[in-house]
Amino acid sequence: MKRKITFFVYPQFELLDLSGPCAAFNFANEFYDAQYDINVVSATGGSIVDRAGLSIGTERFAGTEDHETILAVGGPTAHLNALDSSTKALLSENARRAKRVASVCTGTFFLAAAGLLDGRRATTHWRYAGILQTQYPMVQVDMDRIFIKDGHIWTSAGMTAGIDLALALIEDDFGSTVAKSVARDLVVYHRRLGGQSQFSAMLDITPTSGRVRDALCYARDHLREALSVEHLAEVACVSSRQFSRIFFNATGTTPAKAIERLRLEVARPRIEETSEPLEIIARDVGFASAEKMCRSCVSIFGRTPQELRRTARKLDGRVAQG
């Protein structure tokens, strides 16, 4: 029986958000007889131009068909594209009949606009997590995940995380053996777990809120200090309660989580590229102990510092041999 996979796109979508997952489903078809019926739809139908100026043909999104999976494709302007009421209704109506509804990157904004994420946990590209939380306060935004499954709703982080999501959906349909085989065919790692963190976010984040930006800059320069919410609120010249609120709205995460990530992102190159004792690295970036850094590493990166170091050395060895 055919399993209908329907990609929803809009003008200026990110092609990789479509092509990555589409390739995974197509490989499952070609080599493992998955029999996915892959379709691309849009609100208007016809040719839709992506952000690089490439045109792709689409069917008009209809509310009269049954879909195995509806997958909303993202792009850099998704949060600015207000869906009209009929498209919202179509997404909502089809979501009730579909086995699964999913999104890649900022495609999450379309699911949120249709009311499909109210009261649910969801993720998106880390750069847009704060915007998602501000625009849709009923959504429980978690920027620290590659993908999240909440009931029959799946959301994923930016761009290549769409491949991770597709592999997880294939595994949901056909088991881990097929999913691992598709990953090998795509020459990608099988598979970054949904609970694994989006890497390298907090070091680069530049919130629009000046107070939050000032606090983050201060934190980056004073990682060895005890950076409590109260201390950062003083830097931002607001109360602790107000600081926590505006920080979450601007970044999609809490001050404590952000500081933890900052410390790990500074520590990680030293873990992977040097032989320094972990106790010294932990102390230099502000962790109370190497054990505390280890727990944070497992929570955010999905691996211990020792595992990160071993993996980096193996990769270095392969590069040297090549």
C-alpha atoms as a PDB file:
ATOM      1  CA  MET A   1       0.000   0.000   0.000  1.00  0.00           C
ATOM      2  CA  LYS A   2       1.273   3.463  -0.918  1.00  0.00           C
ATOM      3  CA  ARG A   3       2.189   5.789   1.947  1.00  0.00           C
ATOM      4  CA  LYS A   4       1.480   9.361   0.848  1.00  0.00           C
ATOM      5  CA  ILE A   5       4.149  11.874   1.884  1.00  0.00           C
ATOM      6  CA  THR A   6       3.005  15.440   1.183  1.00  0.00           C
ATOM      7  CA  PHE A   7       5.505  18.314   1.329  1.00  0.00           C
ATOM      8  CA  PHE A   8       3.991  21.777   1.800  1.00  0.00           C
ATOM      9  CA  VAL A   9       6.124  24.596   0.346  1.00  0.00           C
ATOM     10  CA  TYR A  10       5.769  28.343  -0.020  1.00  0.00           C
ATOM     11  CA  PRO A  11       7.675  31.070  -1.965  1.00  0.00           C
ATOM     12  CA  GLN A  12      11.297  31.513  -0.840  1.00  0.00           C
ATOM     13  CA  PHE A  13      11.424  28.083   0.824  1.00  0.00           C
ATOM     14  CA  GLU A  14      14.805  26.479   1.528  1.00  0.00           C
ATOM     15  CA  LEU A  15      15.442  23.803  -1.089  1.00  0.00           C
ATOM     16  CA  LEU A  16      17.515  21.620   1.257  1.00  0.00           C
ATOM     17  CA  ASP A  17      14.569  21.463   3.663  1.00  0.00           C
ATOM     18  CA  LEU A  18      12.657  19.791   0.832  1.00  0.00           C
ATOM     19  CA  SER A  19      15.349  17.862  -1.031  1.00  0.00           C
ATOM     20  CA  GLY A  20      17.046  16.298   2.012  1.00  0.00           C
ATOM     21  CA  PRO A  21      13.981  14.517   3.427  1.00  0.00           C
ATOM     22  CA  CYS A  22      12.676  13.840  -0.093  1.00  0.00           C
ATOM     23  CA  ALA A  23      15.926  12.034  -0.968  1.00  0.00           C
ATOM     24  CA  ALA A  24      15.657   9.879   2.148  1.00  0.00           C
ATOM     25  CA  PHE A  25      12.109   8.781   1.297  1.00  0.00           C
ATOM     26  CA  ASN A  26      13.085   8.209  -2.332  1.00  0.00           C
ATOM     27  CA  PHE A  27      16.070   6.033  -1.366  1.00  0.00           C
ATOM     28  CA  ALA A  28      13.698   3.996   0.805  1.00  0.00           C
ATOM     29  CA  ASN A  29      11.515   3.562  -2.275  1.00  0.00           C
ATOM     30  CA  GLU A  30      14.263   2.648  -4.719  1.00  0.00           C
ATOM     31  CA  PHE A  31      16.236   0.201  -2.600  1.00  0.00           C
ATOM     32  CA  TYR A  32      13.862  -1.045   0.101  1.00  0.00           C
ATOM     33  CA  ASP A  33      10.436  -1.076  -1.587  1.00  0.00           C
ATOM     34  CA  ALA A  34       8.953   1.433   0.860  1.00  0.00           C
ATOM     35  CA  GLN A  35       6.371   2.590  -1.699  1.00  0.00           C
ATOM     36  CA  TYR A  36       6.182   6.172  -0.485  1.00  0.00           C
ATOM     37  CA  ASP A  37       4.028   8.347  -2.752  1.00  0.00           C
ATOM     38  CA  ILE A  38       5.900  11.666  -2.679  1.00  0.00           C
ATOM     39  CA  ASN A  39       3.978  14.854  -3.485  1.00  0.00           C
ATOM     40  CA  VAL A  40       4.798  18.563  -3.287  1.00  0.00           C
ATOM     41  CA  VAL A  41       1.946  21.009  -2.702  1.00  0.00           C
ATOM     42  CA  SER A  42       1.497  24.717  -2.115  1.00  0.00           C
ATOM     43  CA  ALA A  43      -1.383  26.991  -1.228  1.00  0.00           C
ATOM     44  CA  THR A  44      -1.806  28.113  -4.856  1.00  0.00           C
ATOM     45  CA  GLY A  45      -0.359  25.217  -6.849  1.00  0.00           C
ATOM     46  CA  GLY A  46       1.820  25.749  -9.895  1.00  0.00           C
ATOM     47  CA  SER A  47       5.463  26.846  -9.907  1.00  0.00           C
ATOM     48  CA  ILE A  48       6.934  27.969  -6.592  1.00  0.00           C
ATOM     49  CA  VAL A  49      10.346  29.688  -6.530  1.00  0.00           C
ATOM     50  CA  ASP A  50      12.784  28.831  -3.741  1.00  0.00           C
ATOM     51  CA  ARG A  51      15.210  31.255  -2.063  1.00  0.00           C
ATOM     52  CA  ALA A  52      17.910  30.513  -4.683  1.00  0.00           C
ATOM     53  CA  GLY A  53      15.584  31.378  -7.566  1.00  0.00           C
ATOM     54  CA  LEU A  54      14.898  27.776  -8.592  1.00  0.00           C
ATOM     55  CA  SER A  55      11.358  26.910  -9.619  1.00  0.00           C
ATOM     56  CA  ILE A  56       9.587  23.711  -8.599  1.00  0.00           C
ATOM     57  CA  GLY A  57       6.194  22.487  -9.763  1.00  0.00           C
ATOM     58  CA  THR A  58       3.553  21.908  -7.091  1.00  0.00           C
ATOM     59  CA  GLU A  59      -0.005  20.698  -6.839  1.00  0.00           C
ATOM     60  CA  ARG A  60      -2.637  22.776  -5.082  1.00  0.00           C
ATOM     61  CA  PHE A  61      -3.076  21.746  -1.464  1.00  0.00           C
ATOM     62  CA  ALA A  62      -6.494  20.126  -1.173  1.00  0.00           C
ATOM     63  CA  GLY A  63      -8.536  19.007   1.781  1.00  0.00           C
ATOM     64  CA  THR A  64     -10.115  15.977   0.175  1.00  0.00           C
ATOM     65  CA  GLU A  65      -7.219  13.498   0.240  1.00  0.00           C
ATOM     66  CA  ASP A  66      -5.772  11.289   2.939  1.00  0.00           C
ATOM     67  CA  HIS A  67      -2.095  11.705   3.723  1.00  0.00           C
ATOM     68  CA  GLU A  68       0.246   9.393   5.583  1.00  0.00           C
ATOM     69  CA  THR A  69       2.470  12.344   6.475  1.00  0.00           C
ATOM     70  CA  ILE A  70       2.186  16.080   5.871  1.00  0.00           C
ATOM     71  CA  LEU A  71       5.562  17.805   6.083  1.00  0.00           C
ATOM     72  CA  ALA A  72       5.816  21.623   6.155  1.00  0.00           C
ATOM     73  CA  VAL A  73       9.035  22.866   4.561  1.00  0.00           C
ATOM     74  CA  GLY A  74      10.880  25.822   6.075  1.00  0.00           C
ATOM     75  CA  GLY A  75      12.960  28.742   4.906  1.00  0.00           C
ATOM     76  CA  PRO A  76      14.293  32.093   6.146  1.00  0.00           C
ATOM     77  CA  THR A  77      11.033  33.995   5.645  1.00  0.00           C
ATOM     78  CA  ALA A  78       8.574  31.429   6.983  1.00  0.00           C
ATOM     79  CA  HIS A  79       7.997  33.441  10.160  1.00  0.00           C
ATOM     80  CA  LEU A  80       7.003  36.427   8.009  1.00  0.00           C
ATOM     81  CA  ASN A  81       4.575  34.529   5.747  1.00  0.00           C
ATOM     82  CA  ALA A  82       1.118  34.845   7.249  1.00  0.00           C
ATOM     83  CA  LEU A  83      -1.037  31.933   6.148  1.00  0.00           C
ATOM     84  CA  ASP A  84      -4.503  32.873   4.946  1.00  0.00           C
ATOM     85  CA  SER A  85      -7.470  31.426   6.791  1.00  0.00           C
ATOM     86  CA  SER A  86      -8.221  28.815   4.109  1.00  0.00           C
ATOM     87  CA  THR A  87      -4.663  27.422   4.195  1.00  0.00           C
ATOM     88  CA  LYS A  88      -4.730  27.292   7.993  1.00  0.00           C
ATOM     89  CA  ALA A  89      -8.018  25.415   7.788  1.00  0.00           C
ATOM     90  CA  LEU A  90      -6.557  22.990   5.236  1.00  0.00           C
ATOM     91  CA  LEU A  91      -3.555  22.247   7.423  1.00  0.00           C
ATOM     92  CA  SER A  92      -5.756  21.776  10.464  1.00  0.00           C
ATOM     93  CA  GLU A  93      -8.276  19.593   8.620  1.00  0.00           C
ATOM     94  CA  ASN A  94      -5.634  17.389   6.992  1.00  0.00           C
ATOM     95  CA  ALA A  95      -3.736  17.080  10.271  1.00  0.00           C
ATOM     96  CA  ARG A  96      -6.764  15.448  11.844  1.00  0.00           C
ATOM     97  CA  ARG A  97      -6.807  12.756   9.136  1.00  0.00           C
ATOM     98  CA  ALA A  98      -3.075  12.271   8.643  1.00  0.00           C
ATOM     99  CA  LYS A  99      -1.092   9.672  10.544  1.00  0.00           C
ATOM    100  CA  ARG A 100       1.657  12.236  11.108  1.00  0.00           C
ATOM    101  CA  VAL A 101       2.245  15.951  10.662  1.00  0.00           C
ATOM    102  CA  ALA A 102       5.824  17.223  10.592  1.00  0.00           C
ATOM    103  CA  SER A 103       7.961  20.262   9.831  1.00  0.00           C
ATOM    104  CA  VAL A 104      11.537  21.012   8.846  1.00  0.00           C
ATOM    105  CA  CYS A 105      13.261  24.061  10.266  1.00  0.00           C
ATOM    106  CA  THR A 106      10.959  27.111  10.215  1.00  0.00           C
ATOM    107  CA  GLY A 107       8.151  25.067   8.705  1.00  0.00           C
ATOM    108  CA  THR A 108       7.224  24.861  12.383  1.00  0.00           C
ATOM    109  CA  PHE A 109       5.749  28.350  12.031  1.00  0.00           C
ATOM    110  CA  PHE A 110       3.101  27.023   9.620  1.00  0.00           C
ATOM    111  CA  LEU A 111       2.045  24.291  12.031  1.00  0.00           C
ATOM    112  CA  ALA A 112       1.905  26.847  14.834  1.00  0.00           C
ATOM    113  CA  ALA A 113      -0.143  29.255  12.696  1.00  0.00           C
ATOM    114  CA  ALA A 114      -2.684  26.488  12.104  1.00  0.00           C
ATOM    115  CA  GLY A 115      -2.983  25.939  15.863  1.00  0.00           C
ATOM    116  CA  LEU A 116      -1.489  22.453  15.637  1.00  0.00           C
ATOM    117  CA  LEU A 117       1.232  23.109  18.221  1.00  0.00           C
ATOM    118  CA  ASP A 118      -0.793  24.744  20.996  1.00  0.00           C
ATOM    119  CA  GLY A 119       0.194  23.065  24.256  1.00  0.00           C
ATOM    120  CA  ARG A 120       2.782  20.869  22.512  1.00  0.00           C
ATOM    121  CA  ARG A 121       6.551  20.715  22.648  1.00  0.00           C
ATOM    122  CA  ALA A 122       8.201  21.783  19.405  1.00  0.00           C
ATOM    123  CA  THR A 123      11.550  22.821  18.030  1.00  0.00           C
ATOM    124  CA  THR A 124      12.852  24.840  15.099  1.00  0.00           C
ATOM    125  CA  HIS A 125      16.151  26.315  13.931  1.00  0.00           C
ATOM    126  CA  TRP A 126      17.850  27.845  16.967  1.00  0.00           C
ATOM    127  CA  ARG A 127      18.045  31.271  15.307  1.00  0.00           C
ATOM    128  CA  TYR A 128      14.225  31.457  15.134  1.00  0.00           C
ATOM    129  CA  ALA A 129      13.331  29.770  18.429  1.00  0.00           C
ATOM    130  CA  GLY A 130      12.830  33.036  20.287  1.00  0.00           C
ATOM    131  CA  ILE A 131      10.658  34.430  17.504  1.00  0.00           C
ATOM    132  CA  LEU A 132       8.542  31.271  17.527  1.00  0.00           C
ATOM    133  CA  GLN A 133       8.049  31.523  21.277  1.00  0.00           C
ATOM    134  CA  THR A 134       7.103  35.209  21.044  1.00  0.00           C
ATOM    135  CA  GLN A 135       4.673  34.787  18.138  1.00  0.00           C
ATOM    136  CA  TYR A 136       3.091  31.614  19.530  1.00  0.00           C
ATOM    137  CA  PRO A 137       3.267  31.649  23.343  1.00  0.00           C
ATOM    138  CA  MET A 138       1.024  28.561  23.569  1.00  0.00           C
ATOM    139  CA  VAL A 139       3.816  26.466  22.019  1.00  0.00           C
ATOM    140  CA  GLN A 140       6.381  24.886  24.348  1.00  0.00           C
ATOM    141  CA  VAL A 141       9.502  25.756  22.356  1.00  0.00           C
ATOM    142  CA  ASP A 142      12.637  23.700  22.976  1.00  0.00           C
ATOM    143  CA  MET A 143      15.569  24.962  20.899  1.00  0.00           C
ATOM    144  CA  ASP A 144      17.856  22.253  22.279  1.00  0.00           C
ATOM    145  CA  ARG A 145      16.665  19.368  20.133  1.00  0.00           C
ATOM    146  CA  ILE A 146      17.351  18.034  16.646  1.00  0.00           C
ATOM    147  CA  PHE A 147      13.740  16.921  16.410  1.00  0.00           C
ATOM    148  CA  ILE A 148      10.793  16.423  18.750  1.00  0.00           C
ATOM    149  CA  LYS A 149       7.840  14.051  18.547  1.00  0.00           C
ATOM    150  CA  ASP A 150       4.779  15.100  20.528  1.00  0.00           C
ATOM    151  CA  GLY A 151       1.873  12.789  19.787  1.00  0.00           C
ATOM    152  CA  HIS A 152       1.543  12.570  15.998  1.00  0.00           C
ATOM    153  CA  ILE A 153       3.262  15.940  15.513  1.00  0.00           C
ATOM    154  CA  TRP A 154       6.991  15.951  14.650  1.00  0.00           C
ATOM    155  CA  THR A 155       9.086  19.121  14.409  1.00  0.00           C
ATOM    156  CA  SER A 156      12.764  19.424  13.542  1.00  0.00           C
ATOM    157  CA  ALA A 157      15.593  21.918  13.658  1.00  0.00           C
ATOM    158  CA  GLY A 158      17.372  23.565  10.771  1.00  0.00           C
ATOM    159  CA  MET A 159      18.085  22.205   7.327  1.00  0.00           C
ATOM    160  CA  THR A 160      20.035  18.911   7.576  1.00  0.00           C
ATOM    161  CA  ALA A 161      17.990  18.021  10.665  1.00  0.00           C
ATOM    162  CA  GLY A 162      15.233  17.370   8.133  1.00  0.00           C
ATOM    163  CA  ILE A 163      17.207  14.293   7.051  1.00  0.00           C
ATOM    164  CA  ASP A 164      17.391  13.138  10.668  1.00  0.00           C
ATOM    165  CA  LEU A 165      13.635  13.626  10.884  1.00  0.00           C
ATOM    166  CA  ALA A 166      13.017  11.684   7.663  1.00  0.00           C
ATOM    167  CA  LEU A 167      15.181   8.803   8.895  1.00  0.00           C
ATOM    168  CA  ALA A 168      13.205   8.743  12.141  1.00  0.00           C
ATOM    169  CA  LEU A 169       9.932   8.652  10.186  1.00  0.00           C
ATOM    170  CA  ILE A 170      11.262   5.823   8.004  1.00  0.00           C
ATOM    171  CA  GLU A 171      12.276   3.967  11.153  1.00  0.00           C
ATOM    172  CA  ASP A 172       8.799   4.552  12.542  1.00  0.00           C
ATOM    173  CA  ASP A 173       7.379   2.919   9.393  1.00  0.00           C
ATOM    174  CA  PHE A 174       9.854   0.135   8.634  1.00  0.00           C
ATOM    175  CA  GLY A 175      12.183  -0.272  11.600  1.00  0.00           C
ATOM    176  CA  SER A 176      15.779   0.646  12.351  1.00  0.00           C
ATOM    177  CA  THR A 177      17.384  -1.726   9.813  1.00  0.00           C
ATOM    178  CA  VAL A 178      15.834   0.050   6.834  1.00  0.00           C
ATOM    179  CA  ALA A 179      16.491   3.490   8.348  1.00  0.00           C
ATOM    180  CA  LYS A 180      20.156   2.638   8.946  1.00  0.00           C
ATOM    181  CA  SER A 181      20.470   1.326   5.403  1.00  0.00           C
ATOM    182  CA  VAL A 182      18.994   4.520   3.954  1.00  0.00           C
ATOM    183  CA  ALA A 183      21.424   6.550   6.085  1.00  0.00           C
ATOM    184  CA  ARG A 184      24.336   4.575   4.650  1.00  0.00           C
ATOM    185  CA  ASP A 185      23.050   5.154   1.128  1.00  0.00           C
ATOM    186  CA  LEU A 186      22.847   8.888   1.851  1.00  0.00           C
ATOM    187  CA  VAL A 187      26.322   8.758   3.453  1.00  0.00           C
ATOM    188  CA  VAL A 188      25.043  10.376   6.637  1.00  0.00           C
ATOM    189  CA  TYR A 189      25.387   9.344  10.237  1.00  0.00           C
ATOM    190  CA  HIS A 190      22.552   7.149  11.476  1.00  0.00           C
ATOM    191  CA  ARG A 191      21.333   8.859  13.260  1.00  0.00           C
ATOM    192  CA  ARG A 192      21.546  11.926  15.421  1.00  0.00           C
ATOM    193  CA  LEU A 193      19.011  11.241  18.126  1.00  0.00           C
ATOM    194  CA  GLY A 194      16.094  13.603  18.461  1.00  0.00           C
ATOM    195  CA  GLY A 195      17.289  14.427  21.972  1.00  0.00           C
ATOM    196  CA  GLN A 196      20.685  15.495  20.723  1.00  0.00           C
ATOM    197  CA  SER A 197      21.313  19.202  20.916  1.00  0.00           C
ATOM    198  CA  GLN A 198      21.545  21.634  18.031  1.00  0.00           C
ATOM    199  CA  PHE A 199      25.232  22.461  18.104  1.00  0.00           C
ATOM    200  CA  SER A 200      26.945  25.871  18.116  1.00  0.00           C
ATOM    201  CA  ALA A 201      23.921  27.997  18.847  1.00  0.00           C
ATOM    202  CA  MET A 202      24.508  30.190  21.869  1.00  0.00           C
ATOM    203  CA  LEU A 203      27.952  31.421  20.810  1.00  0.00           C
ATOM    204  CA  ASP A 204      26.486  32.925  17.651  1.00  0.00           C
ATOM    205  CA  ILE A 205      23.064  34.021  18.815  1.00  0.00           C
ATOM    206  CA  THR A 206      22.385  37.753  18.556  1.00  0.00           C
ATOM    207  CA  PRO A 207      19.035  38.575  20.187  1.00  0.00           C
ATOM    208  CA  THR A 208      17.176  41.654  19.074  1.00  0.00           C
ATOM    209  CA  SER A 209      16.730  42.646  22.730  1.00  0.00           C
ATOM    210  CA  GLY A 210      19.614  44.893  23.735  1.00  0.00           C
ATOM    211  CA  ARG A 211      19.361  43.868  27.392  1.00  0.00           C
ATOM    212  CA  VAL A 212      19.602  40.176  26.563  1.00  0.00           C
ATOM    213  CA  ARG A 213      22.445  40.815  24.133  1.00  0.00           C
ATOM    214  CA  ASP A 214      24.376  42.738  26.794  1.00  0.00           C
ATOM    215  CA  ALA A 215      23.856  39.953  29.319  1.00  0.00           C
ATOM    216  CA  LEU A 216      25.035  37.270  26.871  1.00  0.00           C
ATOM    217  CA  CYS A 217      28.120  39.292  25.941  1.00  0.00           C
ATOM    218  CA  TYR A 218      28.913  39.685  29.613  1.00  0.00           C
ATOM    219  CA  ALA A 219      28.418  35.953  30.197  1.00  0.00           C
ATOM    220  CA  ARG A 220      30.735  35.030  27.311  1.00  0.00           C
ATOM    221  CA  ASP A 221      33.483  37.154  28.876  1.00  0.00           C
ATOM    222  CA  HIS A 222      32.947  35.909  32.457  1.00  0.00           C
ATOM    223  CA  LEU A 223      32.262  32.191  32.114  1.00  0.00           C
ATOM    224  CA  ARG A 224      34.469  31.277  35.085  1.00  0.00           C
ATOM    225  CA  GLU A 225      32.234  33.318  37.391  1.00  0.00           C
ATOM    226  CA  ALA A 226      28.999  32.203  39.044  1.00  0.00           C
ATOM    227  CA  LEU A 227      26.508  33.584  36.540  1.00  0.00           C
ATOM    228  CA  SER A 228      23.226  33.520  38.386  1.00  0.00           C
ATOM    229  CA  VAL A 229      19.998  34.914  36.975  1.00  0.00           C
ATOM    230  CA  GLU A 230      20.185  37.659  39.585  1.00  0.00           C
ATOM    231  CA  HIS A 231      23.696  38.607  38.465  1.00  0.00           C
ATOM    232  CA  LEU A 232      22.757  38.696  34.781  1.00  0.00           C
ATOM    233  CA  ALA A 233      19.614  40.669  35.582  1.00  0.00           C
ATOM    234  CA  GLU A 234      21.809  43.297  37.232  1.00  0.00           C
ATOM    235  CA  VAL A 235      23.921  43.483  34.083  1.00  0.00           C
ATOM    236  CA  ALA A 236      20.726  43.937  32.049  1.00  0.00           C
ATOM    237  CA  CYS A 237      19.406  46.514  34.545  1.00  0.00           C
ATOM    238  CA  VAL A 238      16.064  44.752  35.083  1.00  0.00           C
ATOM    239  CA  SER A 239      14.507  42.608  37.783  1.00  0.00           C
ATOM    240  CA  SER A 240      15.257  38.876  37.861  1.00  0.00           C
ATOM    241  CA  ARG A 241      11.695  37.978  36.923  1.00  0.00           C
ATOM    242  CA  GLN A 242      11.599  40.429  34.036  1.00  0.00           C
ATOM    243  CA  PHE A 243      15.027  39.287  32.822  1.00  0.00           C
ATOM    244  CA  SER A 244      13.983  35.619  32.767  1.00  0.00           C
ATOM    245  CA  ARG A 245      10.886  36.515  30.768  1.00  0.00           C
ATOM    246  CA  ILE A 246      12.574  38.707  28.157  1.00  0.00           C
ATOM    247  CA  PHE A 247      15.497  36.262  27.855  1.00  0.00           C
ATOM    248  CA  PHE A 248      13.173  33.351  27.096  1.00  0.00           C
ATOM    249  CA  ASN A 249      11.169  35.398  24.618  1.00  0.00           C
ATOM    250  CA  ALA A 250      14.364  36.461  22.831  1.00  0.00           C
ATOM    251  CA  THR A 251      16.180  33.120  22.748  1.00  0.00           C
ATOM    252  CA  GLY A 252      13.657  30.345  23.356  1.00  0.00           C
ATOM    253  CA  THR A 253      15.616  29.026  26.324  1.00  0.00           C
ATOM    254  CA  THR A 254      16.291  29.891  29.967  1.00  0.00           C
ATOM    255  CA  PRO A 255      19.335  31.846  31.215  1.00  0.00           C
ATOM    256  CA  ALA A 256      20.617  28.767  33.073  1.00  0.00           C
ATOM    257  CA  LYS A 257      20.409  26.575  29.966  1.00  0.00           C
ATOM    258  CA  ALA A 258      22.056  29.270  27.860  1.00  0.00           C
ATOM    259  CA  ILE A 259      25.009  29.596  30.246  1.00  0.00           C
ATOM    260  CA  GLU A 260      25.377  25.821  30.363  1.00  0.00           C
ATOM    261  CA  ARG A 261      25.527  25.733  26.569  1.00  0.00           C
ATOM    262  CA  LEU A 262      27.957  28.629  26.378  1.00  0.00           C
ATOM    263  CA  ARG A 263      30.302  26.823  28.733  1.00  0.00           C
ATOM    264  CA  LEU A 264      30.094  23.596  26.775  1.00  0.00           C
ATOM    265  CA  GLU A 265      30.598  25.287  23.428  1.00  0.00           C
ATOM    266  CA  VAL A 266      33.771  26.921  24.743  1.00  0.00           C
ATOM    267  CA  ALA A 267      34.901  23.664  26.327  1.00  0.00           C
ATOM    268  CA  ARG A 268      34.234  21.405  23.351  1.00  0.00           C
ATOM    269  CA  PRO A 269      37.169  22.443  21.112  1.00  0.00           C
ATOM    270  CA  ARG A 270      39.553  21.942  24.044  1.00  0.00           C
ATOM    271  CA  ILE A 271      38.010  18.554  24.796  1.00  0.00           C
ATOM    272  CA  GLU A 272      38.302  17.394  21.195  1.00  0.00           C
ATOM    273  CA  GLU A 273      41.545  19.047  20.096  1.00  0.00           C
ATOM    274  CA  THR A 274      43.797  18.893  23.165  1.00  0.00           C
ATOM    275  CA  SER A 275      44.924  16.430  25.846  1.00  0.00           C
ATOM    276  CA  GLU A 276      44.217  18.819  28.694  1.00  0.00           C
ATOM    277  CA  PRO A 277      42.777  17.195  31.847  1.00  0.00           C
ATOM    278  CA  LEU A 278      39.006  17.488  31.890  1.00  0.00           C
ATOM    279  CA  GLU A 279      39.128  18.928  35.412  1.00  0.00           C
ATOM    280  CA  ILE A 280      41.115  21.925  34.176  1.00  0.00           C
ATOM    281  CA  ILE A 281      38.833  22.509  31.190  1.00  0.00           C
ATOM    282  CA  ALA A 282      35.762  22.278  33.419  1.00  0.00           C
ATOM    283  CA  ARG A 283      37.163  24.803  35.876  1.00  0.00           C
ATOM    284  CA  ASP A 284      38.242  27.244  33.154  1.00  0.00           C
ATOM    285  CA  VAL A 285      34.766  27.425  31.609  1.00  0.00           C
ATOM    286  CA  GLY A 286      32.930  27.718  34.924  1.00  0.00           C
ATOM    287  CA  PHE A 287      31.735  24.204  35.765  1.00  0.00           C
ATOM    288  CA  ALA A 288      31.934  23.242  39.429  1.00  0.00           C
ATOM    289  CA  SER A 289      33.616  19.957  38.534  1.00  0.00           C
ATOM    290  CA  ALA A 290      34.514  17.653  35.666  1.00  0.00           C
ATOM    291  CA  GLU A 291      31.611  15.445  36.736  1.00  0.00           C
ATOM    292  CA  LYS A 292      29.201  18.357  36.329  1.00  0.00           C
ATOM    293  CA  MET A 293      30.630  19.078  32.872  1.00  0.00           C
ATOM    294  CA  CYS A 294      30.233  15.407  31.988  1.00  0.00           C
ATOM    295  CA  ARG A 295      26.547  15.399  32.967  1.00  0.00           C
ATOM    296  CA  SER A 296      25.949  18.533  30.911  1.00  0.00           C
ATOM    297  CA  CYS A 297      27.816  17.042  27.957  1.00  0.00           C
ATOM    298  CA  VAL A 298      25.636  13.950  27.979  1.00  0.00           C
ATOM    299  CA  SER A 299      22.486  16.030  28.343  1.00  0.00           C
ATOM    300  CA  ILE A 300      23.268  18.439  25.502  1.00  0.00           C
ATOM    301  CA  PHE A 301      25.655  16.603  23.146  1.00  0.00           C
ATOM    302  CA  GLY A 302      24.447  13.077  23.866  1.00  0.00           C
ATOM    303  CA  ARG A 303      28.014  11.908  24.646  1.00  0.00           C
ATOM    304  CA  THR A 304      30.530  12.142  27.474  1.00  0.00           C
ATOM    305  CA  PRO A 305      33.653  14.335  27.115  1.00  0.00           C
ATOM    306  CA  GLN A 306      35.725  11.149  26.841  1.00  0.00           C
ATOM    307  CA  GLU A 307      33.555   9.949  23.947  1.00  0.00           C
ATOM    308  CA  LEU A 308      33.832  13.313  22.193  1.00  0.00           C
ATOM    309  CA  ARG A 309      37.617  13.166  22.527  1.00  0.00           C
ATOM    310  CA  ARG A 310      37.869   9.582  21.269  1.00  0.00           C
ATOM    311  CA  THR A 311      35.623  10.308  18.274  1.00  0.00           C
ATOM    312  CA  ALA A 312      37.641  13.409  17.333  1.00  0.00           C
ATOM    313  CA  ARG A 313      40.888  11.447  17.463  1.00  0.00           C
ATOM    314  CA  LYS A 314      39.472   8.680  15.284  1.00  0.00           C
ATOM    315  CA  LEU A 315      38.355  11.241  12.703  1.00  0.00           C
ATOM    316  CA  ASP A 316      41.749  12.951  12.798  1.00  0.00           C
ATOM    317  CA  GLY A 317      43.380   9.575  12.215  1.00  0.00           C
ATOM    318  CA  ARG A 318      41.193   8.877   9.196  1.00  0.00           C
ATOM    319  CA  VAL A 319      41.963  12.305   7.716  1.00  0.00           C
ATOM    320  CA  ALA A 320      45.703  11.748   8.236  1.00  0.00           C
ATOM    321  CA  GLN A 321      45.539   8.329   6.554  1.00  0.00           C
ATOM    322  CA  GLY A 322      43.562   9.766   3.644  1.00  0.00           C
END
